[in-house]
Amino acid sequence: MLRPSTTLPRRGRGPLWRNPAIRALIVQAVLFLVLAAFVGYLVHNTLLNLEARGIHTGFGFLEGRAGFAIPQTLIEYTSDSTYGKTFVIGLLNTLLVSALGIVAATIIGFMVGIARLSPNWLLARLATIYVEAFRNIPLLVQILFWYYAVLRALPSPRQSLSLFDAFFFNVRGMVMPDPQPLDGFAATPWALLIAVVGAILFGLFAKRRQARTGQALPVYWIGAALVIGLPLIVFLLTGSPLEWTLPELTGFNFRGGINILPELLALWLALSIYTAAFIAEIVRSGILSVSHGQTEAARSLSLPEAITLRKIVIPQAMRVIVPQMTSQYLNLIKNSSLATAIGYPDLVAVFAGTTLNQTGQAIEIIAMTMAVYLVISLTVSFLMNLYNARTLLKER
């Protein structure tokens, strides 16, 4: 008895456009060509408009004479310097306020975040008020507040507020002593570098020794003594080769010392306080992510609260804290461009502002400014990702 066949007839290959993979590839290719044509049209149209207005493209303008002064320069600069140097100065000023803001915001944020979880009712409520107040007020408003309501309200230089007769606060900023290194001072920075390397190596040695024997060494005290003591000893042995130039009121202004602009102070305070409010919440969430059983186990071993926080809670919380902290660092760097509101000479104000107005090279200048912020952001993200990889919990 013959049974009917249950196998289906084999289908032949259909047209290529019915293949989902081929169809998706064709769609992507068409979209790419359309996008390339649109970009080409924009570039062609832009070049025609620039040529019609007599504006030449290229980066040759960077060799031209700037012809304007900059109130804060970390390197030597005069009005006869080139536009290329204004780019460098603006970049350095941006990096300066960003670095200062990141350090201050991290310290304040960690302190406030831990304070929010404090069993002390008053301390926890004050930390909550800080977070809710400063993170809900626009950053630009805070910058204007610190600049106009606080720093610009200070007295004139002749009535400056004095601290130890060395630091003076007035409407023109803060004036502080200026350190002048003498012959032989170069040995002190080298001693500091050696001390830092030695402290790191000692920390690695102590960690391996504790893993092998279970005995802990006072790493922080010994490291601090090494980092502070060795440079201090070298500094004293070389005859204290450092002089301090104290600011002196002459006429209507101070001479000598280092003058810190009120624009820098206002921007630094606003960026630090504003970003610290967000970092505090990140720290609080990271600590709360650690299982309560970890702290209970530490208490059962009679470990002090400080050691429990430093050795058990914070190391585990960092895997939650670091990725979110990276975003806040990037936000702080990009928010520094608000410096133009109060006249701080950052990259946007000096290069994308004054230099652009004088040269008219809008495309090149804006492209360079965007590239700088992109490179800075990618660099910070790369470094934080490296650190994050070290803080991840390693499975056995």
Protein backbone atom coordinates (compact mmCIF):
# COMPACT_ATOMS: atom_id res chain seq x y z
CA MET A 1 0.00 0.00 0.00
CA LEU A 2 1.44 3.32 -1.05
CA ARG A 3 1.41 6.18 1.45
CA PRO A 4 1.15 9.78 0.33
CA SER A 5 4.38 11.79 0.62
CA THR A 6 4.44 14.34 3.46
CA THR A 7 7.43 16.33 2.22
CA LEU A 8 6.69 19.75 0.81
CA PRO A 9 7.97 20.64 -2.62
CA ARG A 10 11.24 22.54 -2.55
CA ARG A 11 10.81 26.14 -3.42
CA GLY A 12 13.17 27.79 -5.79
CA ARG A 13 15.04 30.96 -4.91
CA GLY A 14 12.90 34.06 -5.19
CA PRO A 15 14.04 37.49 -6.33
CA LEU A 16 16.72 39.23 -4.27
CA TRP A 17 14.40 42.07 -3.21
CA ARG A 18 12.34 39.55 -1.24
CA ASN A 19 15.38 38.63 0.90
CA PRO A 20 15.08 40.67 4.15
CA ALA A 21 18.85 41.03 4.53
CA ILE A 22 19.30 42.27 0.94
CA ARG A 23 16.29 44.56 1.23
CA ALA A 24 17.64 46.12 4.46
CA LEU A 25 21.04 46.63 2.82
CA ILE A 26 19.46 48.38 -0.17
CA VAL A 27 17.42 50.68 2.08
CA GLN A 28 20.51 51.64 4.10
CA ALA A 29 22.49 52.32 0.93
CA VAL A 30 19.74 54.56 -0.44
CA LEU A 31 19.49 56.48 2.84
CA PHE A 32 23.27 56.91 2.91
CA LEU A 33 23.30 58.30 -0.63
CA VAL A 34 20.46 60.70 0.18
CA LEU A 35 22.28 61.89 3.30
CA ALA A 36 25.57 62.30 1.41
CA ALA A 37 23.81 64.28 -1.31
CA PHE A 38 22.18 66.53 1.30
CA VAL A 39 25.51 67.17 3.06
CA GLY A 40 27.18 67.84 -0.27
CA TYR A 41 24.48 70.35 -1.15
CA LEU A 42 24.95 72.15 2.18
CA VAL A 43 28.72 72.31 1.75
CA HIS A 44 28.44 73.54 -1.85
CA ASN A 45 25.84 76.15 -0.94
CA THR A 46 27.93 77.34 2.02
CA LEU A 47 31.06 77.73 -0.11
CA LEU A 48 29.12 79.73 -2.70
CA ASN A 49 27.72 82.06 -0.04
CA LEU A 50 31.13 82.56 1.54
CA GLU A 51 32.68 83.32 -1.84
CA ALA A 52 29.92 85.80 -2.64
CA ARG A 53 30.67 87.67 0.61
CA GLY A 54 34.43 87.62 0.10
CA ILE A 55 35.10 85.32 3.07
CA HIS A 56 37.95 82.89 2.51
CA THR A 57 37.82 79.48 4.13
CA GLY A 58 40.71 77.77 5.87
CA PHE A 59 42.69 78.07 9.07
CA GLY A 60 45.17 80.69 7.93
CA PHE A 61 43.43 83.26 10.15
CA LEU A 62 45.03 81.59 13.18
CA GLU A 63 48.32 83.29 12.25
CA GLY A 64 46.73 86.75 12.27
CA ARG A 65 47.24 89.35 14.99
CA ALA A 66 44.53 89.21 17.66
CA GLY A 67 44.66 92.86 18.72
CA PHE A 68 42.65 92.50 21.93
CA ALA A 69 43.50 91.87 25.57
CA ILE A 70 42.41 88.92 27.70
CA PRO A 71 42.04 89.52 31.45
CA GLN A 72 43.17 86.03 32.54
CA THR A 73 45.98 84.18 30.81
CA LEU A 74 47.82 81.11 32.07
CA ILE A 75 50.55 81.58 29.46
CA GLU A 76 52.24 84.68 28.13
CA TYR A 77 49.93 86.73 25.91
CA THR A 78 49.74 90.27 24.53
CA SER A 79 47.46 91.99 22.07
CA ASP A 80 50.12 91.32 19.41
CA SER A 81 49.72 87.56 19.83
CA THR A 82 47.98 85.47 17.19
CA TYR A 83 44.42 84.18 17.06
CA GLY A 84 45.87 80.71 17.49
CA LYS A 85 47.11 81.75 20.92
CA THR A 86 43.65 83.03 21.87
CA PHE A 87 42.39 79.52 21.15
CA VAL A 88 45.00 78.02 23.49
CA ILE A 89 44.28 80.55 26.24
CA GLY A 90 40.52 80.00 26.02
CA LEU A 91 41.07 76.24 26.15
CA LEU A 92 43.34 76.50 29.21
CA ASN A 93 40.83 78.73 31.02
CA THR A 94 38.05 76.24 30.27
CA LEU A 95 40.16 73.34 31.54
CA LEU A 96 41.07 75.33 34.66
CA VAL A 97 37.52 76.09 35.79
CA SER A 98 36.38 72.58 34.80
CA ALA A 99 39.11 70.89 36.82
CA LEU A 100 38.51 73.10 39.85
CA GLY A 101 34.77 72.50 39.59
CA ILE A 102 35.12 68.71 39.31
CA VAL A 103 37.34 68.52 42.40
CA ALA A 104 35.14 70.79 44.53
CA ALA A 105 31.86 69.24 43.35
CA THR A 106 33.14 65.73 44.09
CA ILE A 107 34.22 66.62 47.63
CA ILE A 108 31.04 68.55 48.44
CA GLY A 109 28.82 65.95 46.77
CA PHE A 110 30.31 63.05 48.74
CA MET A 111 30.03 64.94 52.03
CA VAL A 112 26.42 65.97 51.42
CA GLY A 113 25.43 62.56 50.08
CA ILE A 114 26.77 60.80 53.18
CA ALA A 115 25.21 63.49 55.39
CA ARG A 116 21.78 62.77 53.90
CA LEU A 117 21.98 59.26 55.37
CA SER A 118 23.27 60.43 58.74
CA PRO A 119 21.34 59.36 61.85
CA ASN A 120 21.67 62.96 63.03
CA TRP A 121 18.28 64.49 62.23
CA LEU A 122 19.51 68.07 61.85
CA LEU A 123 22.46 67.16 59.63
CA ALA A 124 20.31 64.99 57.38
CA ARG A 125 17.67 67.72 57.00
CA LEU A 126 20.27 70.38 56.20
CA ALA A 127 21.74 68.13 53.53
CA THR A 128 18.26 67.54 52.09
CA ILE A 129 17.58 71.28 51.97
CA TYR A 130 20.91 71.83 50.18
CA VAL A 131 20.15 69.22 47.52
CA GLU A 132 16.54 70.28 46.90
CA ALA A 133 17.42 73.98 46.80
CA PHE A 134 20.48 74.08 44.57
CA ARG A 135 19.56 71.40 42.05
CA ASN A 136 16.19 73.04 41.34
CA ILE A 137 17.55 76.55 40.71
CA PRO A 138 18.82 77.05 37.13
CA LEU A 139 22.59 77.12 36.88
CA LEU A 140 22.62 80.41 35.00
CA VAL A 141 20.65 82.06 37.81
CA GLN A 142 23.15 80.76 40.34
CA ILE A 143 26.07 82.09 38.29
CA LEU A 144 24.46 85.52 38.11
CA PHE A 145 23.68 85.41 41.83
CA TRP A 146 27.27 84.68 42.88
CA TYR A 147 28.64 87.26 40.46
CA TYR A 148 26.28 90.22 40.86
CA ALA A 149 24.72 89.69 44.30
CA VAL A 150 27.82 88.48 46.14
CA LEU A 151 31.14 89.25 44.47
CA ARG A 152 30.21 92.50 42.73
CA ALA A 153 28.77 93.73 46.03
CA LEU A 154 32.18 93.61 47.72
CA PRO A 155 33.91 96.90 48.58
CA SER A 156 36.46 98.71 46.43
CA PRO A 157 40.15 97.76 46.64
CA ARG A 158 40.89 100.49 49.19
CA GLN A 159 38.26 98.99 51.55
CA SER A 160 39.12 95.37 50.81
CA LEU A 161 38.17 92.63 53.22
CA SER A 162 41.40 91.20 54.63
CA LEU A 163 42.25 87.70 55.83
CA PHE A 164 45.54 87.39 57.78
CA ASP A 165 46.74 90.52 55.93
CA ALA A 166 47.63 88.25 53.03
CA PHE A 167 44.32 87.53 51.28
CA PHE A 168 42.19 90.47 50.15
CA PHE A 169 38.65 90.36 48.77
CA ASN A 170 37.17 93.26 46.81
CA VAL A 171 35.02 94.02 43.80
CA ARG A 172 37.92 93.13 41.50
CA GLY A 173 38.27 89.62 42.87
CA MET A 174 40.65 88.02 45.33
CA VAL A 175 44.31 88.91 45.71
CA MET A 176 46.58 86.34 47.31
CA PRO A 177 50.36 85.90 47.84
CA ASP A 178 52.38 84.86 44.81
CA PRO A 179 54.98 82.10 45.38
CA GLN A 180 58.33 82.79 43.70
CA PRO A 181 60.60 79.70 43.43
CA LEU A 182 64.32 80.25 43.88
CA ASP A 183 67.38 78.20 42.89
CA GLY A 184 67.12 74.67 44.25
CA PHE A 185 63.33 74.57 44.42
CA ALA A 186 63.13 72.05 41.54
CA ALA A 187 64.16 69.30 43.95
CA THR A 188 60.92 69.67 45.93
CA PRO A 189 58.51 68.76 43.07
CA TRP A 190 60.71 65.77 42.24
CA ALA A 191 60.56 64.70 45.88
CA LEU A 192 56.77 65.02 45.79
CA LEU A 193 56.60 62.85 42.66
CA ILE A 194 58.82 60.21 44.25
CA ALA A 195 56.70 60.31 47.42
CA VAL A 196 53.47 59.81 45.48
CA VAL A 197 54.93 56.86 43.59
CA GLY A 198 56.25 55.43 46.84
CA ALA A 199 52.86 55.79 48.53
CA ILE A 200 51.17 53.96 45.64
CA LEU A 201 53.70 51.14 45.74
CA PHE A 202 53.37 50.87 49.50
CA GLY A 203 49.59 50.68 49.16
CA LEU A 204 49.91 47.81 46.69
CA PHE A 205 52.36 46.04 48.98
CA ALA A 206 50.07 46.48 52.00
CA LYS A 207 47.10 45.15 50.04
CA ARG A 208 48.94 42.00 48.98
CA ARG A 209 50.34 41.52 52.48
CA GLN A 210 46.87 41.77 54.00
CA ALA A 211 45.50 39.27 51.47
CA ARG A 212 48.32 36.88 52.35
CA THR A 213 48.53 37.28 56.14
CA GLY A 214 45.30 39.05 57.12
CA GLN A 215 47.25 41.81 58.88
CA ALA A 216 46.43 45.38 57.84
CA LEU A 217 48.94 48.21 57.77
CA PRO A 218 48.08 51.90 58.34
CA VAL A 219 48.26 52.70 54.63
CA TYR A 220 46.61 56.10 54.79
CA TRP A 221 48.73 57.41 57.66
CA ILE A 222 51.99 56.13 56.23
CA GLY A 223 51.09 57.32 52.72
CA ALA A 224 50.14 60.78 54.00
CA ALA A 225 53.34 60.99 56.04
CA LEU A 226 55.38 60.01 52.98
CA VAL A 227 53.64 62.43 50.60
CA ILE A 228 53.87 65.34 53.05
CA GLY A 229 57.06 64.51 54.91
CA LEU A 230 59.51 63.76 52.08
CA PRO A 231 58.90 66.98 50.06
CA LEU A 232 58.94 68.98 53.30
CA ILE A 233 62.29 67.51 54.35
CA VAL A 234 63.78 68.15 50.91
CA PHE A 235 62.37 71.69 50.94
CA LEU A 236 64.00 72.42 54.30
CA LEU A 237 67.31 70.77 53.39
CA THR A 238 67.60 72.91 50.24
CA GLY A 239 67.22 76.07 52.31
CA SER A 240 63.51 76.77 51.80
CA PRO A 241 64.01 78.12 48.25
CA LEU A 242 60.64 79.84 48.00
CA GLU A 243 59.63 83.46 48.49
CA TRP A 244 56.13 84.85 48.80
CA THR A 245 55.29 88.16 47.17
CA LEU A 246 52.58 89.70 49.30
CA PRO A 247 49.99 91.96 47.64
CA GLU A 248 50.40 95.63 48.52
CA LEU A 249 47.83 98.37 48.10
CA THR A 250 49.29 101.10 45.91
CA GLY A 251 46.93 103.89 44.97
CA PHE A 252 43.58 102.46 43.95
CA ASN A 253 44.67 98.87 43.35
CA PHE A 254 46.95 96.11 44.60
CA ARG A 255 50.38 95.37 43.23
CA GLY A 256 52.07 92.04 43.55
CA GLY A 257 50.42 88.77 44.41
CA ILE A 258 47.99 86.75 42.30
CA ASN A 259 44.71 88.35 41.30
CA ILE A 260 41.85 85.87 40.85
CA LEU A 261 39.04 87.33 38.77
CA PRO A 262 35.55 87.54 40.29
CA GLU A 263 34.27 85.88 37.11
CA LEU A 264 36.37 82.79 37.85
CA LEU A 265 35.25 82.69 41.48
CA ALA A 266 31.56 83.08 40.59
CA LEU A 267 31.67 80.45 37.86
CA TRP A 268 33.62 78.02 40.05
CA LEU A 269 31.27 78.42 43.01
CA ALA A 270 28.13 78.04 40.89
CA LEU A 271 29.37 75.01 38.95
CA SER A 272 30.66 73.28 42.08
CA ILE A 273 27.60 73.86 44.25
CA TYR A 274 25.11 73.07 41.48
CA THR A 275 26.82 69.85 40.33
CA ALA A 276 27.48 68.75 43.92
CA ALA A 277 23.73 68.62 44.55
CA PHE A 278 23.35 65.98 41.83
CA ILE A 279 26.47 64.11 42.94
CA ALA A 280 25.07 63.97 46.48
CA GLU A 281 22.01 62.11 45.23
CA ILE A 282 24.22 59.77 43.21
CA VAL A 283 26.30 59.00 46.29
CA ARG A 284 23.18 58.45 48.39
CA SER A 285 21.70 56.06 45.83
CA GLY A 286 24.98 54.18 45.57
CA ILE A 287 25.19 53.69 49.34
CA LEU A 288 21.56 52.57 49.51
CA SER A 289 22.24 50.01 46.76
CA VAL A 290 24.54 48.09 49.10
CA SER A 291 22.74 45.29 50.89
CA HIS A 292 21.83 46.09 54.47
CA GLY A 293 23.22 42.70 55.42
CA GLN A 294 26.71 44.00 54.67
CA THR A 295 26.49 46.68 57.37
CA GLU A 296 24.84 44.25 59.78
CA ALA A 297 27.72 41.83 59.29
CA ALA A 298 30.20 44.62 59.94
CA ARG A 299 28.42 45.60 63.15
CA SER A 300 28.38 41.99 64.28
CA LEU A 301 32.18 42.08 63.99
CA SER A 302 32.23 45.30 66.07
CA LEU A 303 33.72 47.31 63.22
CA PRO A 304 33.53 51.10 63.71
CA GLU A 305 31.11 53.01 61.48
CA ALA A 306 33.93 54.89 59.77
CA ILE A 307 35.74 51.68 58.80
CA THR A 308 32.46 50.07 57.71
CA LEU A 309 31.74 53.00 55.44
CA ARG A 310 35.27 53.24 54.03
CA LYS A 311 36.09 49.55 53.67
CA ILE A 312 32.74 47.90 53.00
CA VAL A 313 30.01 50.29 51.88
CA ILE A 314 31.81 52.81 49.65
CA PRO A 315 33.84 50.22 47.63
CA GLN A 316 30.63 48.37 46.75
CA ALA A 317 28.69 51.57 46.13
CA MET A 318 31.28 52.86 43.65
CA ARG A 319 30.07 50.47 40.94
CA VAL A 320 26.78 52.42 41.01
CA ILE A 321 28.30 55.85 41.64
CA VAL A 322 31.03 56.01 38.98
CA PRO A 323 28.89 55.70 35.79
CA GLN A 324 26.50 58.42 36.97
CA MET A 325 29.38 60.61 38.16
CA THR A 326 30.82 60.50 34.65
CA SER A 327 27.68 62.12 33.28
CA GLN A 328 27.85 64.85 35.91
CA TYR A 329 31.50 65.57 35.12
CA LEU A 330 30.65 65.90 31.44
CA ASN A 331 27.71 68.18 32.28
CA LEU A 332 29.96 70.39 34.40
CA ILE A 333 32.52 70.74 31.60
CA LYS A 334 29.85 71.65 29.06
CA ASN A 335 28.06 73.96 31.52
CA SER A 336 31.28 75.96 31.87
CA SER A 337 30.40 77.54 28.51
CA LEU A 338 27.85 79.65 30.44
CA ALA A 339 30.88 81.73 31.42
CA THR A 340 30.00 84.12 28.61
CA ALA A 341 27.10 85.42 30.75
CA ILE A 342 29.53 87.07 33.19
CA GLY A 343 32.52 87.61 30.89
CA TYR A 344 34.86 84.87 32.05
CA PRO A 345 37.41 84.37 29.22
CA ASP A 346 36.78 80.70 28.46
CA LEU A 347 36.97 79.04 25.05
CA VAL A 348 33.46 80.10 24.02
CA ALA A 349 33.87 83.73 25.11
CA VAL A 350 37.39 84.30 23.76
CA PHE A 351 37.56 82.11 20.67
CA ALA A 352 33.95 81.49 19.62
CA GLY A 353 33.08 85.04 20.66
CA THR A 354 35.66 87.79 20.17
CA THR A 355 37.84 85.92 17.68
CA LEU A 356 34.84 84.91 15.57
CA ASN A 357 33.49 88.48 15.53
CA GLN A 358 36.83 89.87 14.36
CA THR A 359 37.65 87.24 11.72
CA GLY A 360 34.24 86.13 10.49
CA GLN A 361 35.53 82.54 10.18
CA ALA A 362 32.40 81.12 11.75
CA ILE A 363 32.59 77.62 10.28
CA GLU A 364 36.20 76.97 11.24
CA ILE A 365 35.91 78.48 14.72
CA ILE A 366 32.66 76.75 15.64
CA ALA A 367 33.99 73.46 14.25
CA MET A 368 37.17 73.79 16.36
CA THR A 369 35.15 74.67 19.47
CA MET A 370 32.83 71.70 19.00
CA ALA A 371 35.79 69.40 18.41
CA VAL A 372 37.46 70.58 21.62
CA TYR A 373 34.41 69.83 23.76
CA LEU A 374 34.02 66.48 22.01
CA VAL A 375 37.65 65.50 22.66
CA ILE A 376 37.46 66.62 26.31
CA SER A 377 34.24 64.68 26.87
CA LEU A 378 35.58 61.52 25.21
CA THR A 379 38.80 61.75 27.23
CA VAL A 380 36.94 62.13 30.53
CA SER A 381 34.62 59.27 29.61
CA PHE A 382 37.59 57.05 28.70
CA LEU A 383 39.38 57.75 32.00
CA MET A 384 36.23 57.23 34.05
CA ASN A 385 35.51 53.97 32.22
CA LEU A 386 39.01 52.76 33.08
CA TYR A 387 38.40 53.59 36.72
CA ASN A 388 34.95 52.01 36.57
CA ALA A 389 36.47 48.79 35.26
CA ARG A 390 38.71 48.70 38.34
CA THR A 391 35.82 49.25 40.76
CA LEU A 392 33.63 46.48 39.36
CA LEU A 393 33.11 43.48 41.59
CA LYS A 394 35.27 40.62 40.35
CA GLU A 395 33.68 37.19 40.41
CA ARG A 396 35.86 34.29 41.43
